């Protein structure tokens, strides 16, 4: 059905844009810290933490995955988002690690700046 395909595409576009926003926040955390923008870095940590809470409350799945599932029987790793399959499969591992390392770096940089 064309309506289902269009709906799936819309969900995938929205999901991809939201993913890009949070991925950008994660990448920006240590960059902000390098430039001494510790308030920005902590703000980014908090924004991403909100997304982590949403995932946690949804059994580590994005709510948009459930919405996309209504429009297709496909269940490949990237059926609900415009990402390469490998990245979609390991997305939480990759960006979870980047988030943890970036957050640790931001906290250490902030502590170092406060001690100076």
C-alpha atoms as a PDB file:
ATOM      1  CA  UNK A   1       0.000   0.000   0.000  1.00  0.00           C
ATOM      2  CA  UNK A   2       1.364   3.449  -0.890  1.00  0.00           C
ATOM      3  CA  UNK A   3       0.038   4.998   2.341  1.00  0.00           C
ATOM      4  CA  UNK A   4       2.016   2.581   4.494  1.00  0.00           C
ATOM      5  CA  UNK A   5       5.191   3.190   2.487  1.00  0.00           C
ATOM      6  CA  UNK A   6       4.832   6.961   2.791  1.00  0.00           C
ATOM      7  CA  UNK A   7       4.140   6.667   6.522  1.00  0.00           C
ATOM      8  CA  UNK A   8       7.208   4.462   6.984  1.00  0.00           C
ATOM      9  CA  UNK A   9       9.352   6.936   5.059  1.00  0.00           C
ATOM     10  CA  UNK A  10       8.076   9.786   7.237  1.00  0.00           C
ATOM     11  CA  UNK A  11       8.886   7.879  10.429  1.00  0.00           C
ATOM     12  CA  UNK A  12      12.343   7.010   9.086  1.00  0.00           C
ATOM     13  CA  UNK A  13      13.067  10.648   8.206  1.00  0.00           C
ATOM     14  CA  UNK A  14      11.961  11.895  11.634  1.00  0.00           C
ATOM     15  CA  UNK A  15      13.860   9.081  13.372  1.00  0.00           C
ATOM     16  CA  UNK A  16      17.015   9.855  11.381  1.00  0.00           C
ATOM     17  CA  UNK A  17      16.799  13.581  12.155  1.00  0.00           C
ATOM     18  CA  UNK A  18      16.355  12.906  15.863  1.00  0.00           C
ATOM     19  CA  UNK A  19      19.241  10.413  15.774  1.00  0.00           C
ATOM     20  CA  UNK A  20      21.438  13.017  14.007  1.00  0.00           C
ATOM     21  CA  UNK A  21      20.591  15.588  16.676  1.00  0.00           C
ATOM     22  CA  UNK A  22      21.576  13.280  19.546  1.00  0.00           C
ATOM     23  CA  UNK A  23      24.648  11.936  17.728  1.00  0.00           C
ATOM     24  CA  UNK A  24      25.757  15.539  17.183  1.00  0.00           C
ATOM     25  CA  UNK A  25      25.219  16.312  20.863  1.00  0.00           C
ATOM     26  CA  UNK A  26      27.358  13.319  21.831  1.00  0.00           C
ATOM     27  CA  UNK A  27      30.171  14.329  19.486  1.00  0.00           C
ATOM     28  CA  UNK A  28      29.962  17.949  20.690  1.00  0.00           C
ATOM     29  CA  UNK A  29      30.412  17.109  24.398  1.00  0.00           C
ATOM     30  CA  UNK A  30      34.217  16.700  24.382  1.00  0.00           C
ATOM     31  CA  UNK A  31      34.608  19.437  21.749  1.00  0.00           C
ATOM     32  CA  UNK A  32      32.835  21.926  24.019  1.00  0.00           C
ATOM     33  CA  UNK A  33      35.103  20.856  26.871  1.00  0.00           C
ATOM     34  CA  UNK A  34      38.247  21.321  24.789  1.00  0.00           C
ATOM     35  CA  UNK A  35      37.164  24.914  24.192  1.00  0.00           C
ATOM     36  CA  UNK A  36      36.431  25.464  27.876  1.00  0.00           C
ATOM     37  CA  UNK A  37      32.673  25.604  27.345  1.00  0.00           C
ATOM     38  CA  UNK A  38      31.944  23.407  30.356  1.00  0.00           C
ATOM     39  CA  UNK A  39      28.396  24.684  30.834  1.00  0.00           C
ATOM     40  CA  UNK A  40      27.604  23.789  27.222  1.00  0.00           C
ATOM     41  CA  UNK A  41      29.192  20.359  27.655  1.00  0.00           C
ATOM     42  CA  UNK A  42      27.180  19.607  30.787  1.00  0.00           C
ATOM     43  CA  UNK A  43      24.030  20.859  29.052  1.00  0.00           C
ATOM     44  CA  UNK A  44      24.687  18.460  26.180  1.00  0.00           C
ATOM     45  CA  UNK A  45      25.265  15.632  28.662  1.00  0.00           C
ATOM     46  CA  UNK A  46      21.889  16.435  30.237  1.00  0.00           C
ATOM     47  CA  UNK A  47      20.086  16.561  26.876  1.00  0.00           C
ATOM     48  CA  UNK A  48      21.449  13.165  25.902  1.00  0.00           C
ATOM     49  CA  UNK A  49      20.641  11.816  29.354  1.00  0.00           C
ATOM     50  CA  UNK A  50      16.987  12.626  28.673  1.00  0.00           C
ATOM     51  CA  UNK A  51      17.159  10.455  25.558  1.00  0.00           C
ATOM     52  CA  UNK A  52      18.828   7.697  27.567  1.00  0.00           C
ATOM     53  CA  UNK A  53      15.933   7.867  30.033  1.00  0.00           C
ATOM     54  CA  UNK A  54      13.414   7.557  27.172  1.00  0.00           C
ATOM     55  CA  UNK A  55      15.258   4.499  25.874  1.00  0.00           C
ATOM     56  CA  UNK A  56      15.476   3.006  29.349  1.00  0.00           C
ATOM     57  CA  UNK A  57      11.744   3.468  29.929  1.00  0.00           C
ATOM     58  CA  UNK A  58      11.071   1.855  26.547  1.00  0.00           C
ATOM     59  CA  UNK A  59      13.205  -1.268  27.199  1.00  0.00           C
ATOM     60  CA  UNK A  60      16.236   0.157  25.329  1.00  0.00           C
ATOM     61  CA  UNK A  61      14.250   0.720  22.144  1.00  0.00           C
ATOM     62  CA  UNK A  62      13.387   4.011  20.519  1.00  0.00           C
ATOM     63  CA  UNK A  63       9.633   4.630  20.601  1.00  0.00           C
ATOM     64  CA  UNK A  64       9.771   5.415  16.882  1.00  0.00           C
ATOM     65  CA  UNK A  65      10.842   1.831  16.208  1.00  0.00           C
ATOM     66  CA  UNK A  66       7.437   0.692  17.408  1.00  0.00           C
ATOM     67  CA  UNK A  67       5.734   3.285  15.239  1.00  0.00           C
ATOM     68  CA  UNK A  68       7.728   2.211  12.170  1.00  0.00           C
ATOM     69  CA  UNK A  69       6.911  -1.438  12.866  1.00  0.00           C
ATOM     70  CA  UNK A  70       3.239  -0.678  12.231  1.00  0.00           C
ATOM     71  CA  UNK A  71       4.014   0.056   8.581  1.00  0.00           C
ATOM     72  CA  UNK A  72       6.265  -2.847   7.579  1.00  0.00           C
ATOM     73  CA  UNK A  73       7.047  -6.476   8.285  1.00  0.00           C
ATOM     74  CA  UNK A  74      10.762  -5.769   7.721  1.00  0.00           C
ATOM     75  CA  UNK A  75      12.802  -6.142  10.888  1.00  0.00           C
ATOM     76  CA  UNK A  76      16.330  -5.571   9.630  1.00  0.00           C
ATOM     77  CA  UNK A  77      18.444  -3.457  11.960  1.00  0.00           C
ATOM     78  CA  UNK A  78      17.739  -0.307   9.950  1.00  0.00           C
ATOM     79  CA  UNK A  79      14.093  -0.838   8.949  1.00  0.00           C
ATOM     80  CA  UNK A  80      13.103   2.208  11.000  1.00  0.00           C
ATOM     81  CA  UNK A  81      15.937   4.659  10.264  1.00  0.00           C
ATOM     82  CA  UNK A  82      18.124   5.808   7.381  1.00  0.00           C
ATOM     83  CA  UNK A  83      21.429   4.439   8.676  1.00  0.00           C
ATOM     84  CA  UNK A  84      23.685   1.723   7.293  1.00  0.00           C
ATOM     85  CA  UNK A  85      22.691  -1.647   8.753  1.00  0.00           C
ATOM     86  CA  UNK A  86      25.974  -2.103  10.605  1.00  0.00           C
ATOM     87  CA  UNK A  87      25.706   1.293  12.298  1.00  0.00           C
ATOM     88  CA  UNK A  88      22.041   0.720  13.129  1.00  0.00           C
ATOM     89  CA  UNK A  89      22.924  -2.651  14.634  1.00  0.00           C
ATOM     90  CA  UNK A  90      25.701  -1.292  16.856  1.00  0.00           C
ATOM     91  CA  UNK A  91      24.359   2.233  17.319  1.00  0.00           C
ATOM     92  CA  UNK A  92      23.865   1.984  21.084  1.00  0.00           C
ATOM     93  CA  UNK A  93      27.304   0.417  21.534  1.00  0.00           C
ATOM     94  CA  UNK A  94      29.101   3.023  19.432  1.00  0.00           C
ATOM     95  CA  UNK A  95      27.311   6.102  20.693  1.00  0.00           C
ATOM     96  CA  UNK A  96      26.944   4.778  24.233  1.00  0.00           C
ATOM     97  CA  UNK A  97      30.718   4.424  24.399  1.00  0.00           C
ATOM     98  CA  UNK A  98      31.266   7.856  22.848  1.00  0.00           C
ATOM     99  CA  UNK A  99      28.781   9.353  25.306  1.00  0.00           C
ATOM    100  CA  UNK A 100      30.434   7.715  28.328  1.00  0.00           C
ATOM    101  CA  UNK A 101      33.950   8.696  27.246  1.00  0.00           C
ATOM    102  CA  UNK A 102      32.899  12.213  26.239  1.00  0.00           C
ATOM    103  CA  UNK A 103      31.063  12.718  29.518  1.00  0.00           C
ATOM    104  CA  UNK A 104      34.026  11.458  31.544  1.00  0.00           C
ATOM    105  CA  UNK A 105      36.343  13.765  29.609  1.00  0.00           C
ATOM    106  CA  UNK A 106      33.987  16.725  30.155  1.00  0.00           C
ATOM    107  CA  UNK A 107      33.812  16.072  33.881  1.00  0.00           C
ATOM    108  CA  UNK A 108      37.588  15.735  34.170  1.00  0.00           C
ATOM    109  CA  UNK A 109      38.154  18.904  32.129  1.00  0.00           C
ATOM    110  CA  UNK A 110      35.630  20.772  34.259  1.00  0.00           C
ATOM    111  CA  UNK A 111      37.285  19.569  37.479  1.00  0.00           C
ATOM    112  CA  UNK A 112      40.716  20.492  36.135  1.00  0.00           C
ATOM    113  CA  UNK A 113      39.501  23.974  35.177  1.00  0.00           C
ATOM    114  CA  UNK A 114      37.887  24.454  38.583  1.00  0.00           C
ATOM    115  CA  UNK A 115      41.100  23.427  40.346  1.00  0.00           C
ATOM    116  CA  UNK A 116      43.230  25.833  38.315  1.00  0.00           C
END
